[in-house]
């Protein structure tokens, strides 16, 4: 056991790494889905729906990445959670 990182913090970092990987894989799938919808329904489909989905997904990905970086830089001792 490391002196600076508690076991539950190590679990949290591992969970964040897994979530980050899953979110990246999911984002790639979302991009493929949006492209398929564009091809199937035409450009006007993108004027109505998927932009907000892609935007929310990218924001979530960036937030999780920043949270993971903060957790690692803090040595696993992050006290505030959003």
PDB file of N, CA and C in Angstrom:
ATOM      1  N   UNK A   1       0.847  -1.174   0.000  1.00  0.00           N
ATOM      2  CA  UNK A   1       0.000   0.000   0.000  1.00  0.00           C
ATOM      3  C   UNK A   1       0.889   1.232   0.000  1.00  0.00           C
ATOM      4  N   UNK A   2       0.609   2.166  -0.860  1.00  0.00           N
ATOM      5  CA  UNK A   2       1.391   3.389  -0.962  1.00  0.00           C
ATOM      6  C   UNK A   2       1.038   4.323   0.187  1.00  0.00           C
ATOM      7  N   UNK A   3       2.009   5.128   0.607  1.00  0.00           N
ATOM      8  CA  UNK A   3       1.774   6.041   1.717  1.00  0.00           C
ATOM      9  C   UNK A   3       0.840   7.189   1.365  1.00  0.00           C
ATOM     10  N   UNK A   4       0.856   7.640   0.121  1.00  0.00           N
ATOM     11  CA  UNK A   4       0.056   8.800  -0.277  1.00  0.00           C
ATOM     12  C   UNK A   4      -1.312   8.438  -0.822  1.00  0.00           C
ATOM     13  N   UNK A   5      -1.457   7.256  -1.389  1.00  0.00           N
ATOM     14  CA  UNK A   5      -2.710   6.885  -2.050  1.00  0.00           C
ATOM     15  C   UNK A   5      -3.394   5.795  -1.247  1.00  0.00           C
ATOM     16  N   UNK A   6      -4.628   6.070  -0.854  1.00  0.00           N
ATOM     17  CA  UNK A   6      -5.401   5.087  -0.109  1.00  0.00           C
ATOM     18  C   UNK A   6      -6.036   4.093  -1.075  1.00  0.00           C
ATOM     19  N   UNK A   7      -6.314   2.859  -0.620  1.00  0.00           N
ATOM     20  CA  UNK A   7      -6.877   1.843  -1.514  1.00  0.00           C
ATOM     21  C   UNK A   7      -8.151   2.300  -2.217  1.00  0.00           C
ATOM     22  N   UNK A   8      -9.044   3.005  -1.502  1.00  0.00           N
ATOM     23  CA  UNK A   8     -10.271   3.444  -2.161  1.00  0.00           C
ATOM     24  C   UNK A   8      -9.983   4.498  -3.227  1.00  0.00           C
ATOM     25  N   UNK A   9      -8.928   5.280  -3.050  1.00  0.00           N
ATOM     26  CA  UNK A   9      -8.527   6.246  -4.069  1.00  0.00           C
ATOM     27  C   UNK A   9      -7.969   5.527  -5.292  1.00  0.00           C
ATOM     28  N   UNK A  10      -7.205   4.467  -5.060  1.00  0.00           N
ATOM     29  CA  UNK A  10      -6.688   3.684  -6.182  1.00  0.00           C
ATOM     30  C   UNK A  10      -7.842   3.079  -6.965  1.00  0.00           C
ATOM     31  N   UNK A  11      -8.874   2.589  -6.265  1.00  0.00           N
ATOM     32  CA  UNK A  11     -10.050   2.047  -6.945  1.00  0.00           C
ATOM     33  C   UNK A  11     -10.749   3.132  -7.757  1.00  0.00           C
ATOM     34  N   UNK A  12     -10.811   4.332  -7.198  1.00  0.00           N
ATOM     35  CA  UNK A  12     -11.472   5.436  -7.900  1.00  0.00           C
ATOM     36  C   UNK A  12     -10.691   5.799  -9.165  1.00  0.00           C
ATOM     37  N   UNK A  13      -9.370   5.839  -9.087  1.00  0.00           N
ATOM     38  CA  UNK A  13      -8.563   6.132 -10.268  1.00  0.00           C
ATOM     39  C   UNK A  13      -8.764   5.036 -11.312  1.00  0.00           C
ATOM     40  N   UNK A  14      -8.766   3.780 -10.889  1.00  0.00           N
ATOM     41  CA  UNK A  14      -8.990   2.672 -11.828  1.00  0.00           C
ATOM     42  C   UNK A  14     -10.355   2.792 -12.490  1.00  0.00           C
ATOM     43  N   UNK A  15     -11.371   3.158 -11.705  1.00  0.00           N
ATOM     44  CA  UNK A  15     -12.721   3.321 -12.257  1.00  0.00           C
ATOM     45  C   UNK A  15     -12.744   4.463 -13.275  1.00  0.00           C
ATOM     46  N   UNK A  16     -12.073   5.564 -12.958  1.00  0.00           N
ATOM     47  CA  UNK A  16     -12.043   6.695 -13.881  1.00  0.00           C
ATOM     48  C   UNK A  16     -11.324   6.328 -15.182  1.00  0.00           C
ATOM     49  N   UNK A  17     -10.246   5.565 -15.064  1.00  0.00           N
ATOM     50  CA  UNK A  17      -9.538   5.125 -16.273  1.00  0.00           C
ATOM     51  C   UNK A  17     -10.456   4.265 -17.134  1.00  0.00           C
ATOM     52  N   UNK A  18     -11.167   3.316 -16.522  1.00  0.00           N
ATOM     53  CA  UNK A  18     -12.093   2.462 -17.282  1.00  0.00           C
ATOM     54  C   UNK A  18     -13.203   3.286 -17.914  1.00  0.00           C
ATOM     55  N   UNK A  19     -13.783   4.215 -17.144  1.00  0.00           N
ATOM     56  CA  UNK A  19     -14.858   5.046 -17.689  1.00  0.00           C
ATOM     57  C   UNK A  19     -14.350   5.904 -18.839  1.00  0.00           C
ATOM     58  N   UNK A  20     -13.139   6.413 -18.706  1.00  0.00           N
ATOM     59  CA  UNK A  20     -12.558   7.228 -19.760  1.00  0.00           C
ATOM     60  C   UNK A  20     -12.382   6.404 -21.038  1.00  0.00           C
ATOM     61  N   UNK A  21     -11.897   5.180 -20.890  1.00  0.00           N
ATOM     62  CA  UNK A  21     -11.718   4.302 -22.053  1.00  0.00           C
ATOM     63  C   UNK A  21     -13.064   3.968 -22.694  1.00  0.00           C
ATOM     64  N   UNK A  22     -14.061   3.669 -21.864  1.00  0.00           N
ATOM     65  CA  UNK A  22     -15.385   3.349 -22.392  1.00  0.00           C
ATOM     66  C   UNK A  22     -16.010   4.545 -23.089  1.00  0.00           C
ATOM     67  N   UNK A  23     -15.826   5.729 -22.515  1.00  0.00           N
ATOM     68  CA  UNK A  23     -16.390   6.920 -23.108  1.00  0.00           C
ATOM     69  C   UNK A  23     -15.740   7.217 -24.451  1.00  0.00           C
ATOM     70  N   UNK A  24     -14.433   7.005 -24.547  1.00  0.00           N
ATOM     71  CA  UNK A  24     -13.749   7.206 -25.820  1.00  0.00           C
ATOM     72  C   UNK A  24     -14.271   6.226 -26.861  1.00  0.00           C
ATOM     73  N   UNK A  25     -14.412   4.965 -26.491  1.00  0.00           N
ATOM     74  CA  UNK A  25     -14.941   3.963 -27.419  1.00  0.00           C
ATOM     75  C   UNK A  25     -16.369   4.318 -27.814  1.00  0.00           C
ATOM     76  N   UNK A  26     -17.161   4.773 -26.840  1.00  0.00           N
ATOM     77  CA  UNK A  26     -18.544   5.149 -27.105  1.00  0.00           C
ATOM     78  C   UNK A  26     -18.600   6.360 -28.027  1.00  0.00           C
ATOM     79  N   UNK A  27     -17.683   7.288 -27.859  1.00  0.00           N
ATOM     80  CA  UNK A  27     -17.646   8.477 -28.710  1.00  0.00           C
ATOM     81  C   UNK A  27     -17.383   8.078 -30.160  1.00  0.00           C
ATOM     82  N   UNK A  28     -16.467   7.142 -30.364  1.00  0.00           N
ATOM     83  CA  UNK A  28     -16.193   6.676 -31.719  1.00  0.00           C
ATOM     84  C   UNK A  28     -17.447   6.043 -32.325  1.00  0.00           C
ATOM     85  N   UNK A  29     -18.174   5.279 -31.517  1.00  0.00           N
ATOM     86  CA  UNK A  29     -19.420   4.687 -31.987  1.00  0.00           C
ATOM     87  C   UNK A  29     -20.460   5.748 -32.297  1.00  0.00           C
ATOM     88  N   UNK A  30     -20.515   6.793 -31.484  1.00  0.00           N
ATOM     89  CA  UNK A  30     -21.465   7.872 -31.710  1.00  0.00           C
ATOM     90  C   UNK A  30     -21.156   8.598 -33.016  1.00  0.00           C
ATOM     91  N   UNK A  31     -19.882   8.828 -33.290  1.00  0.00           N
ATOM     92  CA  UNK A  31     -19.500   9.484 -34.539  1.00  0.00           C
ATOM     93  C   UNK A  31     -19.949   8.637 -35.724  1.00  0.00           C
ATOM     94  N   UNK A  32     -19.733   7.322 -35.650  1.00  0.00           N
ATOM     95  CA  UNK A  32     -20.178   6.427 -36.734  1.00  0.00           C
ATOM     96  C   UNK A  32     -21.694   6.470 -36.883  1.00  0.00           C
ATOM     97  N   UNK A  33     -22.419   6.502 -35.759  1.00  0.00           N
ATOM     98  CA  UNK A  33     -23.873   6.551 -35.783  1.00  0.00           C
ATOM     99  C   UNK A  33     -24.368   7.834 -36.461  1.00  0.00           C
ATOM    100  N   UNK A  34     -23.767   8.964 -36.080  1.00  0.00           N
ATOM    101  CA  UNK A  34     -24.192  10.240 -36.663  1.00  0.00           C
ATOM    102  C   UNK A  34     -23.909  10.261 -38.161  1.00  0.00           C
ATOM    103  N   UNK A  35     -22.766   9.728 -38.554  1.00  0.00           N
ATOM    104  CA  UNK A  35     -22.447   9.680 -39.987  1.00  0.00           C
ATOM    105  C   UNK A  35     -23.441   8.795 -40.731  1.00  0.00           C
ATOM    106  N   UNK A  36     -23.800   7.679 -40.138  1.00  0.00           N
ATOM    107  CA  UNK A  36     -24.779   6.791 -40.773  1.00  0.00           C
ATOM    108  C   UNK A  36     -26.129   7.487 -40.893  1.00  0.00           C
ATOM    109  N   UNK A  37     -26.530   8.214 -39.847  1.00  0.00           N
ATOM    110  CA  UNK A  37     -27.799   8.943 -39.900  1.00  0.00           C
ATOM    111  C   UNK A  37     -27.757  10.019 -40.979  1.00  0.00           C
ATOM    112  N   UNK A  38     -26.609  10.680 -41.094  1.00  0.00           N
ATOM    113  CA  UNK A  38     -26.483  11.714 -42.125  1.00  0.00           C
ATOM    114  C   UNK A  38     -26.658  11.089 -43.506  1.00  0.00           C
ATOM    115  N   UNK A  39     -26.024   9.951 -43.716  1.00  0.00           N
ATOM    116  CA  UNK A  39     -26.134   9.280 -45.009  1.00  0.00           C
ATOM    117  C   UNK A  39     -27.550   8.791 -45.257  1.00  0.00           C
ATOM    118  N   UNK A  40     -28.215   8.303 -44.224  1.00  0.00           N
ATOM    119  CA  UNK A  40     -29.549   7.723 -44.367  1.00  0.00           C
ATOM    120  C   UNK A  40     -30.627   8.789 -44.535  1.00  0.00           C
ATOM    121  N   UNK A  41     -30.583   9.812 -43.710  1.00  0.00           N
ATOM    122  CA  UNK A  41     -31.655  10.804 -43.692  1.00  0.00           C
ATOM    123  C   UNK A  41     -31.312  12.107 -44.401  1.00  0.00           C
ATOM    124  N   UNK A  42     -30.054  12.286 -44.713  1.00  0.00           N
ATOM    125  CA  UNK A  42     -29.651  13.513 -45.380  1.00  0.00           C
ATOM    126  C   UNK A  42     -29.181  14.571 -44.393  1.00  0.00           C
ATOM    127  N   UNK A  43     -28.607  15.621 -44.936  1.00  0.00           N
ATOM    128  CA  UNK A  43     -28.012  16.679 -44.127  1.00  0.00           C
ATOM    129  C   UNK A  43     -29.003  17.347 -43.185  1.00  0.00           C
ATOM    130  N   UNK A  44     -30.266  17.474 -43.572  1.00  0.00           N
ATOM    131  CA  UNK A  44     -31.211  18.204 -42.719  1.00  0.00           C
ATOM    132  C   UNK A  44     -31.433  17.506 -41.371  1.00  0.00           C
ATOM    133  N   UNK A  45     -31.174  16.188 -41.299  1.00  0.00           N
ATOM    134  CA  UNK A  45     -31.279  15.497 -40.016  1.00  0.00           C
ATOM    135  C   UNK A  45     -30.327  16.125 -39.003  1.00  0.00           C
ATOM    136  N   UNK A  46     -29.122  16.440 -39.455  1.00  0.00           N
ATOM    137  CA  UNK A  46     -28.123  16.999 -38.547  1.00  0.00           C
ATOM    138  C   UNK A  46     -28.480  18.413 -38.108  1.00  0.00           C
ATOM    139  N   UNK A  47     -29.342  19.084 -38.844  1.00  0.00           N
ATOM    140  CA  UNK A  47     -29.764  20.415 -38.435  1.00  0.00           C
ATOM    141  C   UNK A  47     -30.719  20.352 -37.258  1.00  0.00           C
ATOM    142  N   UNK A  48     -31.275  19.181 -36.963  1.00  0.00           N
ATOM    143  CA  UNK A  48     -32.323  19.099 -35.967  1.00  0.00           C
ATOM    144  C   UNK A  48     -31.931  18.382 -34.687  1.00  0.00           C
ATOM    145  N   UNK A  49     -31.125  17.309 -34.747  1.00  0.00           N
ATOM    146  CA  UNK A  49     -30.970  16.522 -33.528  1.00  0.00           C
ATOM    147  C   UNK A  49     -29.544  16.243 -33.048  1.00  0.00           C
ATOM    148  N   UNK A  50     -28.698  15.585 -33.810  1.00  0.00           N
ATOM    149  CA  UNK A  50     -27.495  14.998 -33.214  1.00  0.00           C
ATOM    150  C   UNK A  50     -26.448  15.970 -32.689  1.00  0.00           C
ATOM    151  N   UNK A  51     -26.481  17.228 -33.109  1.00  0.00           N
ATOM    152  CA  UNK A  51     -25.435  18.140 -32.647  1.00  0.00           C
ATOM    153  C   UNK A  51     -25.368  18.206 -31.128  1.00  0.00           C
ATOM    154  N   UNK A  52     -26.506  18.316 -30.489  1.00  0.00           N
ATOM    155  CA  UNK A  52     -26.485  18.426 -29.028  1.00  0.00           C
ATOM    156  C   UNK A  52     -25.987  17.129 -28.399  1.00  0.00           C
ATOM    157  N   UNK A  53     -26.255  15.997 -29.016  1.00  0.00           N
ATOM    158  CA  UNK A  53     -25.782  14.717 -28.477  1.00  0.00           C
ATOM    159  C   UNK A  53     -24.256  14.683 -28.538  1.00  0.00           C
ATOM    160  N   UNK A  54     -23.691  15.042 -29.678  1.00  0.00           N
ATOM    161  CA  UNK A  54     -22.244  15.040 -29.837  1.00  0.00           C
ATOM    162  C   UNK A  54     -21.618  16.036 -28.868  1.00  0.00           C
ATOM    163  N   UNK A  55     -22.212  17.215 -28.732  1.00  0.00           N
ATOM    164  CA  UNK A  55     -21.675  18.235 -27.837  1.00  0.00           C
ATOM    165  C   UNK A  55     -21.678  17.751 -26.391  1.00  0.00           C
ATOM    166  N   UNK A  56     -22.786  17.197 -25.934  1.00  0.00           N
ATOM    167  CA  UNK A  56     -22.862  16.684 -24.566  1.00  0.00           C
ATOM    168  C   UNK A  56     -21.839  15.587 -24.343  1.00  0.00           C
ATOM    169  N   UNK A  57     -21.684  14.724 -25.327  1.00  0.00           N
ATOM    170  CA  UNK A  57     -20.761  13.604 -25.210  1.00  0.00           C
ATOM    171  C   UNK A  57     -19.317  14.112 -25.108  1.00  0.00           C
ATOM    172  N   UNK A  58     -18.964  15.077 -25.947  1.00  0.00           N
ATOM    173  CA  UNK A  58     -17.618  15.631 -25.902  1.00  0.00           C
ATOM    174  C   UNK A  58     -17.354  16.334 -24.576  1.00  0.00           C
ATOM    175  N   UNK A  59     -18.355  17.057 -24.062  1.00  0.00           N
ATOM    176  CA  UNK A  59     -18.198  17.730 -22.779  1.00  0.00           C
ATOM    177  C   UNK A  59     -17.985  16.707 -21.661  1.00  0.00           C
ATOM    178  N   UNK A  60     -18.741  15.632 -21.681  1.00  0.00           N
ATOM    179  CA  UNK A  60     -18.591  14.586 -20.668  1.00  0.00           C
ATOM    180  C   UNK A  60     -17.204  13.946 -20.764  1.00  0.00           C
ATOM    181  N   UNK A  61     -16.745  13.704 -21.978  1.00  0.00           N
ATOM    182  CA  UNK A  61     -15.423  13.108 -22.181  1.00  0.00           C
ATOM    183  C   UNK A  61     -14.334  14.027 -21.636  1.00  0.00           C
ATOM    184  N   UNK A  62     -14.430  15.310 -21.967  1.00  0.00           N
ATOM    185  CA  UNK A  62     -13.420  16.254 -21.493  1.00  0.00           C
ATOM    186  C   UNK A  62     -13.454  16.381 -19.979  1.00  0.00           C
ATOM    187  N   UNK A  63     -14.634  16.409 -19.393  1.00  0.00           N
ATOM    188  CA  UNK A  63     -14.756  16.534 -17.936  1.00  0.00           C
ATOM    189  C   UNK A  63     -14.148  15.317 -17.246  1.00  0.00           C
ATOM    190  N   UNK A  64     -14.440  14.136 -17.764  1.00  0.00           N
ATOM    191  CA  UNK A  64     -13.892  12.930 -17.166  1.00  0.00           C
ATOM    192  C   UNK A  64     -12.377  12.905 -17.310  1.00  0.00           C
ATOM    193  N   UNK A  65     -11.870  13.318 -18.434  1.00  0.00           N
ATOM    194  CA  UNK A  65     -10.427  13.356 -18.630  1.00  0.00           C
ATOM    195  C   UNK A  65      -9.782  14.308 -17.635  1.00  0.00           C
ATOM    196  N   UNK A  66     -10.391  15.483 -17.425  1.00  0.00           N
ATOM    197  CA  UNK A  66      -9.845  16.451 -16.480  1.00  0.00           C
ATOM    198  C   UNK A  66      -9.918  15.897 -15.061  1.00  0.00           C
ATOM    199  N   UNK A  67     -11.014  15.240 -14.719  1.00  0.00           N
ATOM    200  CA  UNK A  67     -11.162  14.650 -13.387  1.00  0.00           C
ATOM    201  C   UNK A  67     -10.083  13.597 -13.161  1.00  0.00           C
ATOM    202  N   UNK A  68      -9.819  12.789 -14.168  1.00  0.00           N
ATOM    203  CA  UNK A  68      -8.781  11.770 -14.056  1.00  0.00           C
ATOM    204  C   UNK A  68      -7.414  12.416 -13.876  1.00  0.00           C
ATOM    205  N   UNK A  69      -7.120  13.453 -14.644  1.00  0.00           N
ATOM    206  CA  UNK A  69      -5.834  14.143 -14.493  1.00  0.00           C
ATOM    207  C   UNK A  69      -5.698  14.746 -13.092  1.00  0.00           C
ATOM    208  N   UNK A  70      -6.778  15.375 -12.620  1.00  0.00           N
ATOM    209  CA  UNK A  70      -6.744  15.968 -11.278  1.00  0.00           C
ATOM    210  C   UNK A  70      -6.495  14.904 -10.223  1.00  0.00           C
ATOM    211  N   UNK A  71      -7.168  13.764 -10.365  1.00  0.00           N
ATOM    212  CA  UNK A  71      -7.028  12.678  -9.390  1.00  0.00           C
ATOM    213  C   UNK A  71      -5.592  12.181  -9.345  1.00  0.00           C
ATOM    214  N   UNK A  72      -4.978  12.027 -10.476  1.00  0.00           N
ATOM    215  CA  UNK A  72      -3.599  11.536 -10.530  1.00  0.00           C
ATOM    216  C   UNK A  72      -2.639  12.585  -9.982  1.00  0.00           C
ATOM    217  N   UNK A  73      -2.832  13.848 -10.369  1.00  0.00           N
ATOM    218  CA  UNK A  73      -1.950  14.911  -9.888  1.00  0.00           C
ATOM    219  C   UNK A  73      -2.062  15.103  -8.386  1.00  0.00           C
ATOM    220  N   UNK A  74      -3.267  14.893  -7.824  1.00  0.00           N
ATOM    221  CA  UNK A  74      -3.480  15.059  -6.393  1.00  0.00           C
ATOM    222  C   UNK A  74      -3.023  13.844  -5.598  1.00  0.00           C
ATOM    223  N   UNK A  75      -2.526  12.825  -6.253  1.00  0.00           N
ATOM    224  CA  UNK A  75      -2.070  11.629  -5.564  1.00  0.00           C
ATOM    225  C   UNK A  75      -3.213  10.816  -4.990  1.00  0.00           C
ATOM    226  N   UNK A  76      -4.408  10.959  -5.573  1.00  0.00           N
ATOM    227  CA  UNK A  76      -5.550  10.163  -5.123  1.00  0.00           C
ATOM    228  C   UNK A  76      -6.244  10.731  -3.914  1.00  0.00           C
ATOM    229  N   UNK A  77      -5.904  11.955  -3.519  1.00  0.00           N
ATOM    230  CA  UNK A  77      -6.494  12.530  -2.311  1.00  0.00           C
ATOM    231  C   UNK A  77      -7.432  13.681  -2.646  1.00  0.00           C
ATOM    232  N   UNK A  78      -8.227  13.516  -3.675  1.00  0.00           N
ATOM    233  CA  UNK A  78      -9.180  14.556  -4.054  1.00  0.00           C
ATOM    234  C   UNK A  78     -10.317  14.572  -3.039  1.00  0.00           C
ATOM    235  N   UNK A  79     -10.634  15.756  -2.527  1.00  0.00           N
ATOM    236  CA  UNK A  79     -11.635  15.836  -1.467  1.00  0.00           C
ATOM    237  C   UNK A  79     -12.981  16.300  -1.968  1.00  0.00           C
ATOM    238  N   UNK A  80     -13.004  17.194  -2.953  1.00  0.00           N
ATOM    239  CA  UNK A  80     -14.300  17.679  -3.447  1.00  0.00           C
ATOM    240  C   UNK A  80     -14.693  16.911  -4.697  1.00  0.00           C
ATOM    241  N   UNK A  81     -15.979  16.655  -4.795  1.00  0.00           N
ATOM    242  CA  UNK A  81     -16.502  15.934  -5.961  1.00  0.00           C
ATOM    243  C   UNK A  81     -17.628  16.745  -6.560  1.00  0.00           C
ATOM    244  N   UNK A  82     -17.667  16.798  -7.927  1.00  0.00           N
ATOM    245  CA  UNK A  82     -18.748  17.523  -8.563  1.00  0.00           C
ATOM    246  C   UNK A  82     -19.711  16.580  -9.216  1.00  0.00           C
TER     247      UNK A  82
END
